[in-house]
Amino acid sequence: MEESFDVCDSDWTDHRFISVFGDEERIAHVDECATGSGWTWIGIEPIDGDEAIELCGGACESVENGEWEIIEVNFWCCLDGDECNQIL
């Protein structure tokens, strides 16, 4: 059976519903920077304005060396039985 999600009523920090891109190149999620190149959450206590992502390894280097100028973060809302919709 296919797993279904309702991110609109659940944990908005679930990385399965967030896509991160560096100049249109998808950046992979990693659990922590020590485990590889990609992005991870930092400061995700209850929504207080301090939540952010951290770029790790090669993803960070791509920003630092000017390879990527734009980082885009998309949040998706997936309701049971419906298609996912971008919400931010």
PDB file of N, CA and C in Angstrom:
ATOM      1  N   MET A   1       0.848  -1.176   0.000  1.00  0.00           N
ATOM      2  CA  MET A   1       0.000   0.000   0.000  1.00  0.00           C
ATOM      3  C   MET A   1       0.893   1.239   0.000  1.00  0.00           C
ATOM      4  N   GLU A   2       0.531   2.214  -0.827  1.00  0.00           N
ATOM      5  CA  GLU A   2       1.282   3.460  -0.908  1.00  0.00           C
ATOM      6  C   GLU A   2       1.029   4.316   0.324  1.00  0.00           C
ATOM      7  N   GLU A   3       2.092   4.880   0.864  1.00  0.00           N
ATOM      8  CA  GLU A   3       1.972   5.737   2.046  1.00  0.00           C
ATOM      9  C   GLU A   3       1.414   7.091   1.629  1.00  0.00           C
ATOM     10  N   SER A   4       0.484   7.623   2.403  1.00  0.00           N
ATOM     11  CA  SER A   4      -0.062   8.948   2.106  1.00  0.00           C
ATOM     12  C   SER A   4       0.228   9.872   3.280  1.00  0.00           C
ATOM     13  N   PHE A   5       0.303  11.140   2.997  1.00  0.00           N
ATOM     14  CA  PHE A   5       0.683  12.126   3.988  1.00  0.00           C
ATOM     15  C   PHE A   5      -0.292  13.296   3.981  1.00  0.00           C
ATOM     16  N   ASP A   6      -0.384  13.966   5.083  1.00  0.00           N
ATOM     17  CA  ASP A   6      -1.147  15.204   5.180  1.00  0.00           C
ATOM     18  C   ASP A   6      -0.254  16.218   5.881  1.00  0.00           C
ATOM     19  N   VAL A   7       0.647  16.813   5.107  1.00  0.00           N
ATOM     20  CA  VAL A   7       1.616  17.745   5.686  1.00  0.00           C
ATOM     21  C   VAL A   7       0.951  19.030   6.164  1.00  0.00           C
ATOM     22  N   CYS A   8      -0.230  19.341   5.647  1.00  0.00           N
ATOM     23  CA  CYS A   8      -0.900  20.572   6.058  1.00  0.00           C
ATOM     24  C   CYS A   8      -1.301  20.521   7.526  1.00  0.00           C
ATOM     25  N   ASP A   9      -1.539  19.320   8.038  1.00  0.00           N
ATOM     26  CA  ASP A   9      -1.946  19.164   9.424  1.00  0.00           C
ATOM     27  C   ASP A   9      -0.871  18.495  10.263  1.00  0.00           C
ATOM     28  N   SER A  10       0.330  18.314   9.697  1.00  0.00           N
ATOM     29  CA  SER A  10       1.377  17.606  10.423  1.00  0.00           C
ATOM     30  C   SER A  10       2.632  18.461  10.513  1.00  0.00           C
ATOM     31  N   ASP A  11       3.749  17.822  10.744  1.00  0.00           N
ATOM     32  CA  ASP A  11       5.025  18.489  10.960  1.00  0.00           C
ATOM     33  C   ASP A  11       5.511  19.164   9.679  1.00  0.00           C
ATOM     34  N   TRP A  12       5.474  20.479   9.650  1.00  0.00           N
ATOM     35  CA  TRP A  12       5.864  21.213   8.446  1.00  0.00           C
ATOM     36  C   TRP A  12       7.357  21.089   8.159  1.00  0.00           C
ATOM     37  N   THR A  13       8.142  20.585   9.095  1.00  0.00           N
ATOM     38  CA  THR A  13       9.581  20.450   8.876  1.00  0.00           C
ATOM     39  C   THR A  13       9.959  19.129   8.220  1.00  0.00           C
ATOM     40  N   ASP A  14       8.989  18.293   7.885  1.00  0.00           N
ATOM     41  CA  ASP A  14       9.274  17.002   7.258  1.00  0.00           C
ATOM     42  C   ASP A  14       9.934  17.251   5.904  1.00  0.00           C
ATOM     43  N   HIS A  15      11.177  16.841   5.760  1.00  0.00           N
ATOM     44  CA  HIS A  15      11.939  17.145   4.546  1.00  0.00           C
ATOM     45  C   HIS A  15      11.349  16.532   3.281  1.00  0.00           C
ATOM     46  N   ARG A  16      10.460  15.549   3.409  1.00  0.00           N
ATOM     47  CA  ARG A  16       9.840  14.951   2.218  1.00  0.00           C
ATOM     48  C   ARG A  16       8.935  15.938   1.497  1.00  0.00           C
ATOM     49  N   PHE A  17       8.511  17.007   2.177  1.00  0.00           N
ATOM     50  CA  PHE A  17       7.598  17.977   1.581  1.00  0.00           C
ATOM     51  C   PHE A  17       8.276  19.316   1.303  1.00  0.00           C
ATOM     52  N   ILE A  18       9.584  19.292   1.278  1.00  0.00           N
ATOM     53  CA  ILE A  18      10.344  20.518   1.048  1.00  0.00           C
ATOM     54  C   ILE A  18      11.366  20.227  -0.037  1.00  0.00           C
ATOM     55  N   SER A  19      11.426  21.081  -1.040  1.00  0.00           N
ATOM     56  CA  SER A  19      12.447  20.940  -2.069  1.00  0.00           C
ATOM     57  C   SER A  19      13.315  22.186  -2.045  1.00  0.00           C
ATOM     58  N   VAL A  20      14.623  21.958  -2.126  1.00  0.00           N
ATOM     59  CA  VAL A  20      15.599  23.051  -2.084  1.00  0.00           C
ATOM     60  C   VAL A  20      16.412  22.990  -3.371  1.00  0.00           C
ATOM     61  N   PHE A  21      16.582  24.151  -3.987  1.00  0.00           N
ATOM     62  CA  PHE A  21      17.312  24.233  -5.247  1.00  0.00           C
ATOM     63  C   PHE A  21      18.374  25.324  -5.171  1.00  0.00           C
ATOM     64  N   GLY A  22      19.506  25.077  -5.806  1.00  0.00           N
ATOM     65  CA  GLY A  22      20.526  26.090  -6.019  1.00  0.00           C
ATOM     66  C   GLY A  22      20.560  26.383  -7.502  1.00  0.00           C
ATOM     67  N   ASP A  23      20.109  27.562  -7.898  1.00  0.00           N
ATOM     68  CA  ASP A  23      19.999  27.905  -9.325  1.00  0.00           C
ATOM     69  C   ASP A  23      19.386  26.764 -10.132  1.00  0.00           C
ATOM     70  N   GLU A  24      18.249  26.264  -9.682  1.00  0.00           N
ATOM     71  CA  GLU A  24      17.429  25.241 -10.335  1.00  0.00           C
ATOM     72  C   GLU A  24      18.012  23.829 -10.250  1.00  0.00           C
ATOM     73  N   GLU A  25      19.130  23.635  -9.557  1.00  0.00           N
ATOM     74  CA  GLU A  25      19.681  22.298  -9.330  1.00  0.00           C
ATOM     75  C   GLU A  25      19.203  21.817  -7.962  1.00  0.00           C
ATOM     76  N   ARG A  26      18.525  20.687  -7.944  1.00  0.00           N
ATOM     77  CA  ARG A  26      17.976  20.191  -6.669  1.00  0.00           C
ATOM     78  C   ARG A  26      19.099  19.855  -5.702  1.00  0.00           C
ATOM     79  N   ILE A  27      18.929  20.298  -4.451  1.00  0.00           N
ATOM     80  CA  ILE A  27      19.898  20.038  -3.390  1.00  0.00           C
ATOM     81  C   ILE A  27      19.306  18.953  -2.489  1.00  0.00           C
ATOM     82  N   ALA A  28      20.046  17.891  -2.262  1.00  0.00           N
ATOM     83  CA  ALA A  28      19.566  16.770  -1.464  1.00  0.00           C
ATOM     84  C   ALA A  28      19.489  17.130   0.013  1.00  0.00           C
ATOM     85  N   HIS A  29      18.549  16.506   0.726  1.00  0.00           N
ATOM     86  CA  HIS A  29      18.461  16.650   2.176  1.00  0.00           C
ATOM     87  C   HIS A  29      19.444  15.679   2.820  1.00  0.00           C
ATOM     88  N   VAL A  30      20.137  16.133   3.877  1.00  0.00           N
ATOM     89  CA  VAL A  30      20.983  15.270   4.694  1.00  0.00           C
ATOM     90  C   VAL A  30      20.559  15.453   6.142  1.00  0.00           C
ATOM     91  N   ASP A  31      20.719  14.406   6.945  1.00  0.00           N
ATOM     92  CA  ASP A  31      20.319  14.497   8.351  1.00  0.00           C
ATOM     93  C   ASP A  31      21.183  15.478   9.132  1.00  0.00           C
ATOM     94  N   GLU A  32      22.460  15.559   8.784  1.00  0.00           N
ATOM     95  CA  GLU A  32      23.363  16.519   9.411  1.00  0.00           C
ATOM     96  C   GLU A  32      24.542  16.732   8.466  1.00  0.00           C
ATOM     97  N   CYS A  33      25.220  17.844   8.614  1.00  0.00           N
ATOM     98  CA  CYS A  33      26.305  18.178   7.691  1.00  0.00           C
ATOM     99  C   CYS A  33      27.438  17.158   7.709  1.00  0.00           C
ATOM    100  N   ALA A  34      27.635  16.477   8.828  1.00  0.00           N
ATOM    101  CA  ALA A  34      28.701  15.478   8.921  1.00  0.00           C
ATOM    102  C   ALA A  34      28.444  14.271   8.013  1.00  0.00           C
ATOM    103  N   THR A  35      27.170  14.108   7.544  1.00  0.00           N
ATOM    104  CA  THR A  35      26.838  12.929   6.742  1.00  0.00           C
ATOM    105  C   THR A  35      26.912  13.173   5.242  1.00  0.00           C
ATOM    106  N   GLY A  36      27.184  14.398   4.789  1.00  0.00           N
ATOM    107  CA  GLY A  36      27.306  14.602   3.354  1.00  0.00           C
ATOM    108  C   GLY A  36      27.003  16.003   2.885  1.00  0.00           C
ATOM    109  N   SER A  37      26.899  16.124   1.589  1.00  0.00           N
ATOM    110  CA  SER A  37      26.628  17.395   0.925  1.00  0.00           C
ATOM    111  C   SER A  37      25.129  17.532   0.703  1.00  0.00           C
ATOM    112  N   GLY A  38      24.559  18.693   1.022  1.00  0.00           N
ATOM    113  CA  GLY A  38      23.133  18.931   0.835  1.00  0.00           C
ATOM    114  C   GLY A  38      22.646  20.015   1.765  1.00  0.00           C
ATOM    115  N   TRP A  39      21.412  19.857   2.282  1.00  0.00           N
ATOM    116  CA  TRP A  39      20.850  20.834   3.217  1.00  0.00           C
ATOM    117  C   TRP A  39      20.286  20.106   4.423  1.00  0.00           C
ATOM    118  N   THR A  40      20.249  20.802   5.553  1.00  0.00           N
ATOM    119  CA  THR A  40      19.653  20.276   6.767  1.00  0.00           C
ATOM    120  C   THR A  40      19.018  21.426   7.530  1.00  0.00           C
ATOM    121  N   TRP A  41      18.135  21.098   8.463  1.00  0.00           N
ATOM    122  CA  TRP A  41      17.488  22.115   9.303  1.00  0.00           C
ATOM    123  C   TRP A  41      18.393  22.538  10.445  1.00  0.00           C
ATOM    124  N   ILE A  42      18.323  23.802  10.796  1.00  0.00           N
ATOM    125  CA  ILE A  42      18.930  24.299  12.033  1.00  0.00           C
ATOM    126  C   ILE A  42      17.900  25.185  12.714  1.00  0.00           C
ATOM    127  N   GLY A  43      17.870  25.174  14.034  1.00  0.00           N
ATOM    128  CA  GLY A  43      16.970  26.051  14.784  1.00  0.00           C
ATOM    129  C   GLY A  43      15.508  25.795  14.580  1.00  0.00           C
ATOM    130  N   ILE A  44      15.069  24.537  14.533  1.00  0.00           N
ATOM    131  CA  ILE A  44      13.647  24.275  14.275  1.00  0.00           C
ATOM    132  C   ILE A  44      12.895  23.935  15.549  1.00  0.00           C
ATOM    133  N   GLU A  45      12.965  24.807  16.500  1.00  0.00           N
ATOM    134  CA  GLU A  45      12.108  24.718  17.677  1.00  0.00           C
ATOM    135  C   GLU A  45      10.721  25.156  17.217  1.00  0.00           C
ATOM    136  N   PRO A  46       9.736  25.198  18.089  1.00  0.00           N
ATOM    137  CA  PRO A  46       8.422  25.681  17.638  1.00  0.00           C
ATOM    138  C   PRO A  46       8.579  26.994  16.858  1.00  0.00           C
ATOM    139  N   ILE A  47       7.772  27.151  15.871  1.00  0.00           N
ATOM    140  CA  ILE A  47       7.936  28.269  14.935  1.00  0.00           C
ATOM    141  C   ILE A  47       8.079  29.579  15.699  1.00  0.00           C
ATOM    142  N   ASP A  48       9.283  30.105  15.677  1.00  0.00           N
ATOM    143  CA  ASP A  48       9.582  31.325  16.423  1.00  0.00           C
ATOM    144  C   ASP A  48      10.368  32.328  15.589  1.00  0.00           C
ATOM    145  N   GLY A  49      10.480  32.079  14.321  1.00  0.00           N
ATOM    146  CA  GLY A  49      11.200  33.005  13.456  1.00  0.00           C
ATOM    147  C   GLY A  49      12.678  32.696  13.325  1.00  0.00           C
ATOM    148  N   ASP A  50      13.173  31.687  14.024  1.00  0.00           N
ATOM    149  CA  ASP A  50      14.588  31.367  13.974  1.00  0.00           C
ATOM    150  C   ASP A  50      14.898  30.132  13.133  1.00  0.00           C
ATOM    151  N   GLU A  51      13.907  29.510  12.535  1.00  0.00           N
ATOM    152  CA  GLU A  51      14.162  28.311  11.769  1.00  0.00           C
ATOM    153  C   GLU A  51      14.871  28.675  10.461  1.00  0.00           C
ATOM    154  N   ALA A  52      15.782  27.792  10.048  1.00  0.00           N
ATOM    155  CA  ALA A  52      16.568  28.049   8.844  1.00  0.00           C
ATOM    156  C   ALA A  52      17.135  26.731   8.338  1.00  0.00           C
ATOM    157  N   ILE A  53      17.638  26.761   7.117  1.00  0.00           N
ATOM    158  CA  ILE A  53      18.358  25.610   6.610  1.00  0.00           C
ATOM    159  C   ILE A  53      19.841  25.945   6.600  1.00  0.00           C
ATOM    160  N   GLU A  54      20.647  24.899   6.649  1.00  0.00           N
ATOM    161  CA  GLU A  54      22.098  25.042   6.533  1.00  0.00           C
ATOM    162  C   GLU A  54      22.523  24.242   5.316  1.00  0.00           C
ATOM    163  N   LEU A  55      23.357  24.838   4.482  1.00  0.00           N
ATOM    164  CA  LEU A  55      23.918  24.122   3.341  1.00  0.00           C
ATOM    165  C   LEU A  55      25.213  23.465   3.788  1.00  0.00           C
ATOM    166  N   CYS A  56      25.421  22.227   3.362  1.00  0.00           N
ATOM    167  CA  CYS A  56      26.546  21.430   3.824  1.00  0.00           C
ATOM    168  C   CYS A  56      27.429  21.004   2.655  1.00  0.00           C
ATOM    169  N   GLY A  57      28.715  20.884   2.930  1.00  0.00           N
ATOM    170  CA  GLY A  57      29.662  20.339   1.965  1.00  0.00           C
ATOM    171  C   GLY A  57      29.654  21.066   0.636  1.00  0.00           C
ATOM    172  N   GLY A  58      29.496  20.296  -0.442  1.00  0.00           N
ATOM    173  CA  GLY A  58      29.535  20.859  -1.790  1.00  0.00           C
ATOM    174  C   GLY A  58      28.452  21.882  -2.054  1.00  0.00           C
ATOM    175  N   ALA A  59      27.293  21.736  -1.403  1.00  0.00           N
ATOM    176  CA  ALA A  59      26.215  22.716  -1.582  1.00  0.00           C
ATOM    177  C   ALA A  59      26.652  24.069  -1.031  1.00  0.00           C
ATOM    178  N   CYS A  60      27.282  24.068   0.128  1.00  0.00           N
ATOM    179  CA  CYS A  60      27.788  25.310   0.714  1.00  0.00           C
ATOM    180  C   CYS A  60      28.877  25.904  -0.174  1.00  0.00           C
ATOM    181  N   GLU A  61      29.769  25.060  -0.652  1.00  0.00           N
ATOM    182  CA  GLU A  61      30.848  25.528  -1.521  1.00  0.00           C
ATOM    183  C   GLU A  61      30.319  26.152  -2.804  1.00  0.00           C
ATOM    184  N   SER A  62      29.218  25.599  -3.337  1.00  0.00           N
ATOM    185  CA  SER A  62      28.636  26.144  -4.569  1.00  0.00           C
ATOM    186  C   SER A  62      28.135  27.572  -4.374  1.00  0.00           C
ATOM    187  N   VAL A  63      27.674  27.898  -3.174  1.00  0.00           N
ATOM    188  CA  VAL A  63      27.255  29.271  -2.879  1.00  0.00           C
ATOM    189  C   VAL A  63      28.491  30.143  -2.645  1.00  0.00           C
ATOM    190  N   GLU A  64      29.408  29.651  -1.843  1.00  0.00           N
ATOM    191  CA  GLU A  64      30.597  30.433  -1.513  1.00  0.00           C
ATOM    192  C   GLU A  64      31.433  30.785  -2.739  1.00  0.00           C
ATOM    193  N   ASN A  65      31.542  29.869  -3.708  1.00  0.00           N
ATOM    194  CA  ASN A  65      32.371  30.154  -4.886  1.00  0.00           C
ATOM    195  C   ASN A  65      31.595  30.825  -6.021  1.00  0.00           C
ATOM    196  N   GLY A  66      30.329  31.163  -5.779  1.00  0.00           N
ATOM    197  CA  GLY A  66      29.535  31.896  -6.758  1.00  0.00           C
ATOM    198  C   GLY A  66      28.878  31.043  -7.827  1.00  0.00           C
ATOM    199  N   GLU A  67      29.002  29.725  -7.722  1.00  0.00           N
ATOM    200  CA  GLU A  67      28.376  28.837  -8.699  1.00  0.00           C
ATOM    201  C   GLU A  67      26.858  28.966  -8.658  1.00  0.00           C
ATOM    202  N   TRP A  68      26.284  29.082  -7.450  1.00  0.00           N
ATOM    203  CA  TRP A  68      24.853  29.307  -7.271  1.00  0.00           C
ATOM    204  C   TRP A  68      24.637  30.691  -6.702  1.00  0.00           C
ATOM    205  N   GLU A  69      23.737  31.433  -7.312  1.00  0.00           N
ATOM    206  CA  GLU A  69      23.407  32.764  -6.814  1.00  0.00           C
ATOM    207  C   GLU A  69      22.063  32.788  -6.107  1.00  0.00           C
ATOM    208  N   ILE A  70      21.179  31.857  -6.449  1.00  0.00           N
ATOM    209  CA  ILE A  70      19.830  31.835  -5.883  1.00  0.00           C
ATOM    210  C   ILE A  70      19.577  30.481  -5.224  1.00  0.00           C
ATOM    211  N   ILE A  71      19.122  30.527  -3.976  1.00  0.00           N
ATOM    212  CA  ILE A  71      18.674  29.327  -3.279  1.00  0.00           C
ATOM    213  C   ILE A  71      17.164  29.450  -3.129  1.00  0.00           C
ATOM    214  N   GLU A  72      16.443  28.447  -3.607  1.00  0.00           N
ATOM    215  CA  GLU A  72      14.979  28.450  -3.562  1.00  0.00           C
ATOM    216  C   GLU A  72      14.511  27.296  -2.685  1.00  0.00           C
ATOM    217  N   VAL A  73      13.611  27.592  -1.750  1.00  0.00           N
ATOM    218  CA  VAL A  73      13.041  26.572  -0.874  1.00  0.00           C
ATOM    219  C   VAL A  73      11.536  26.546  -1.110  1.00  0.00           C
ATOM    220  N   ASN A  74      11.004  25.377  -1.475  1.00  0.00           N
ATOM    221  CA  ASN A  74       9.574  25.211  -1.736  1.00  0.00           C
ATOM    222  C   ASN A  74       8.972  24.283  -0.708  1.00  0.00           C
ATOM    223  N   PHE A  75       7.830  24.674  -0.160  1.00  0.00           N
ATOM    224  CA  PHE A  75       7.075  23.848   0.778  1.00  0.00           C
ATOM    225  C   PHE A  75       5.861  23.311   0.038  1.00  0.00           C
ATOM    226  N   TRP A  76       5.516  22.035   0.264  1.00  0.00           N
ATOM    227  CA  TRP A  76       4.424  21.387  -0.436  1.00  0.00           C
ATOM    228  C   TRP A  76       3.363  20.932   0.544  1.00  0.00           C
ATOM    229  N   CYS A  77       2.117  21.015   0.135  1.00  0.00           N
ATOM    230  CA  CYS A  77       0.983  20.581   0.940  1.00  0.00           C
ATOM    231  C   CYS A  77       0.370  19.370   0.242  1.00  0.00           C
ATOM    232  N   CYS A  78       0.428  18.202   0.901  1.00  0.00           N
ATOM    233  CA  CYS A  78      -0.077  16.966   0.301  1.00  0.00           C
ATOM    234  C   CYS A  78      -1.224  16.433   1.144  1.00  0.00           C
ATOM    235  N   LEU A  79      -2.432  16.605   0.679  1.00  0.00           N
ATOM    236  CA  LEU A  79      -3.605  16.111   1.393  1.00  0.00           C
ATOM    237  C   LEU A  79      -3.933  14.708   0.936  1.00  0.00           C
ATOM    238  N   ASP A  80      -4.420  13.889   1.841  1.00  0.00           N
ATOM    239  CA  ASP A  80      -4.786  12.517   1.540  1.00  0.00           C
ATOM    240  C   ASP A  80      -5.634  12.453   0.276  1.00  0.00           C
ATOM    241  N   GLY A  81      -5.176  11.686  -0.718  1.00  0.00           N
ATOM    242  CA  GLY A  81      -5.951  11.485  -1.932  1.00  0.00           C
ATOM    243  C   GLY A  81      -5.847  12.610  -2.938  1.00  0.00           C
ATOM    244  N   ASP A  82      -5.182  13.703  -2.583  1.00  0.00           N
ATOM    245  CA  ASP A  82      -5.030  14.827  -3.508  1.00  0.00           C
ATOM    246  C   ASP A  82      -3.589  14.918  -3.968  1.00  0.00           C
ATOM    247  N   GLU A  83      -3.407  15.649  -5.061  1.00  0.00           N
ATOM    248  CA  GLU A  83      -2.055  15.913  -5.494  1.00  0.00           C
ATOM    249  C   GLU A  83      -1.426  16.935  -4.584  1.00  0.00           C
ATOM    250  N   CYS A  84      -0.104  16.941  -4.565  1.00  0.00           N
ATOM    251  CA  CYS A  84       0.613  17.917  -3.742  1.00  0.00           C
ATOM    252  C   CYS A  84       0.533  19.294  -4.389  1.00  0.00           C
ATOM    253  N   ASN A  85       0.389  20.307  -3.555  1.00  0.00           N
ATOM    254  CA  ASN A  85       0.343  21.688  -4.034  1.00  0.00           C
ATOM    255  C   ASN A  85       1.421  22.496  -3.336  1.00  0.00           C
ATOM    256  N   GLN A  86       2.110  23.311  -4.121  1.00  0.00           N
ATOM    257  CA  GLN A  86       3.116  24.183  -3.535  1.00  0.00           C
ATOM    258  C   GLN A  86       2.407  25.251  -2.713  1.00  0.00           C
ATOM    259  N   ILE A  87       2.865  25.460  -1.458  1.00  0.00           N
ATOM    260  CA  ILE A  87       2.191  26.424  -0.592  1.00  0.00           C
ATOM    261  C   ILE A  87       3.058  27.624  -0.263  1.00  0.00           C
ATOM    262  N   LEU A  88       4.328  27.587  -0.584  1.00  0.00           N
ATOM    263  CA  LEU A  88       5.193  28.729  -0.296  1.00  0.00           C
ATOM    264  C   LEU A  88       6.388  28.681  -1.191  1.00  0.00           C
TER     265      LEU A  88
END
